[in-house]
Protein backbone atom coordinates (compact mmCIF):
# COMPACT_ATOMS: atom_id res chain seq x y z
CA MET A 1 6.08 -4.18 6.95
CA PRO A 2 3.10 -3.37 4.83
CA HIS A 3 4.42 -1.76 1.65
CA LEU A 4 1.91 0.37 -0.23
CA LEU A 5 2.73 1.16 -3.84
CA PHE A 6 0.58 3.87 -5.39
CA ARG A 7 0.29 4.49 -9.10
CA GLY A 8 -1.85 7.05 -10.89
CA LEU A 9 -1.60 9.34 -7.84
CA GLU A 10 0.86 12.22 -7.49
CA ALA A 11 3.29 12.14 -4.58
CA GLU A 12 2.18 15.64 -3.53
CA LYS A 13 -1.37 14.37 -3.09
CA LEU A 14 -0.27 11.28 -1.18
CA GLN A 15 1.75 13.48 1.18
CA GLN A 16 -1.49 15.18 2.25
CA ILE A 17 -2.91 11.95 3.69
CA SER A 18 0.29 10.08 4.58
CA ARG A 19 0.24 10.80 8.32
CA PRO A 20 -3.43 10.05 9.00
CA LEU A 21 -3.25 7.03 6.69
CA VAL A 22 -0.27 5.49 8.48
CA ASP A 23 -1.77 6.35 11.89
CA GLU A 24 -4.98 4.51 11.04
CA LEU A 25 -3.30 1.55 9.33
CA ALA A 26 -0.96 1.07 12.31
CA LYS A 27 -4.02 0.75 14.54
CA VAL A 28 -5.72 -1.64 12.13
CA CYS A 29 -2.60 -3.85 11.95
CA SER A 30 -1.65 -3.47 15.62
CA CYS A 31 1.90 -2.49 14.72
CA GLY A 32 4.17 0.54 14.83
CA ARG A 33 3.99 3.40 12.35
CA ASP A 34 7.58 2.71 11.34
CA ASN A 35 6.53 -0.62 9.82
CA PHE A 36 4.91 1.10 6.82
CA THR A 37 6.39 2.11 3.49
CA LEU A 38 4.43 4.35 1.11
CA GLU A 39 5.77 4.84 -2.39
CA CYS A 40 4.44 6.55 -5.51
CA LEU A 41 5.37 4.95 -8.79
CA ASN A 42 5.70 7.22 -11.80
CA THR A 43 3.89 5.35 -14.53
CA THR A 44 2.57 6.13 -17.97
CA GLY A 45 -0.46 4.33 -19.29
CA VAL A 46 -0.65 3.32 -22.92
CA TRP A 47 -3.89 2.59 -24.74
CA GLU A 48 -4.60 2.30 -28.45
CA GLY A 49 -1.25 3.78 -29.44
CA GLU A 50 -1.58 6.78 -27.13
CA GLN A 51 -0.19 7.74 -23.73
CA VAL A 52 -2.98 8.03 -21.18
CA PRO A 53 -3.04 8.72 -17.44
CA SER A 54 -2.44 5.64 -15.31
CA PHE A 55 -5.51 4.28 -13.59
CA PRO A 56 -5.24 4.90 -9.83
CA PHE A 57 -4.17 1.66 -8.18
CA VAL A 58 -2.74 0.69 -4.79
CA GLU A 59 -0.82 -2.53 -4.32
CA VAL A 60 -0.31 -3.65 -0.73
CA SER A 61 2.44 -6.17 -0.06
CA TRP A 62 2.32 -7.68 3.41
CA PHE A 63 2.13 -10.76 5.62
CA GLU A 64 -1.48 -11.96 5.71
CA ARG A 65 -3.48 -10.76 8.71
CA GLY A 66 -6.89 -12.26 7.95
CA ASP A 67 -10.08 -11.14 6.23
CA GLU A 68 -11.23 -8.72 8.94
CA VAL A 69 -7.94 -6.81 9.09
CA ARG A 70 -7.61 -6.82 5.29
CA ASP A 71 -11.16 -5.44 4.91
CA ARG A 72 -10.56 -2.69 7.49
CA PHE A 73 -7.19 -1.85 5.88
CA ALA A 74 -8.77 -1.55 2.42
CA GLU A 75 -11.64 0.56 3.76
CA ALA A 76 -9.22 2.99 5.41
CA VAL A 77 -7.10 3.34 2.26
CA ASP A 78 -10.23 3.80 0.14
CA ARG A 79 -11.75 6.42 2.42
CA LEU A 80 -8.59 8.50 2.75
CA VAL A 81 -7.56 8.36 -0.92
CA LYS A 82 -11.06 9.47 -1.93
CA THR A 83 -10.63 12.61 0.22
CA LEU A 84 -8.07 13.66 -2.41
CA GLY A 85 -10.77 13.78 -5.08
CA VAL A 86 -9.93 10.40 -6.59
CA PRO A 87 -13.38 9.08 -7.58
CA GLU A 88 -12.38 5.51 -8.39
CA PHE A 89 -9.37 3.29 -7.83
CA GLU A 90 -8.52 -0.27 -6.98
CA ILE A 91 -6.55 -1.99 -4.22
CA ALA A 92 -4.87 -5.39 -4.45
CA PHE A 93 -3.04 -7.33 -1.76
CA ARG A 94 0.11 -9.35 -2.42
CA THR A 95 0.86 -11.73 0.43
CA TYR A 96 4.38 -12.70 1.42
CA GLU A 97 5.30 -15.94 3.15
CA GLU A 98 7.75 -15.64 6.03
CA LYS A 99 9.95 -18.41 4.61
CA ALA A 100 10.20 -16.56 1.26
CA TYR A 101 10.99 -13.08 2.69
CA TYR A 102 14.57 -12.17 3.57
CA ILE A 103 16.07 -9.43 5.73
CA ASP A 104 19.81 -8.93 5.31
CA GLY A 105 20.01 -12.31 3.58
CA VAL A 106 18.28 -14.17 6.43
CA ARG A 107 14.87 -15.78 6.06
CA PHE A 108 12.30 -13.79 8.00
CA ASP A 109 11.09 -16.84 9.94
CA ARG A 110 14.69 -17.24 11.21
CA TYR A 111 15.60 -13.58 11.55
CA LYS A 112 16.54 -12.48 15.07
CA GLY A 113 16.70 -8.76 14.28
């Protein structure tokens, strides 16, 4: 279920680390690899009337797993993205509540799968 949205990073670069990243994050979260979604957003930054490259940013949407797991998750993303030559970027977590997340129109906390 963790959804990782990347901006300011080309899809071709993300492909290079996608397997080791998902492998490590699955271990950190104690869940299957198939629970992860990685997406690259094509964005254009604008500053002072000019188009500029988007600042590298990763948004993680997930169900909260606690400080320790979140810290390990962020460290793994940071370490692997930096292997692509990205010197600086930021990560933010957006936390879903089970009662406000729906699968096929059914609240997650009631979903039988």
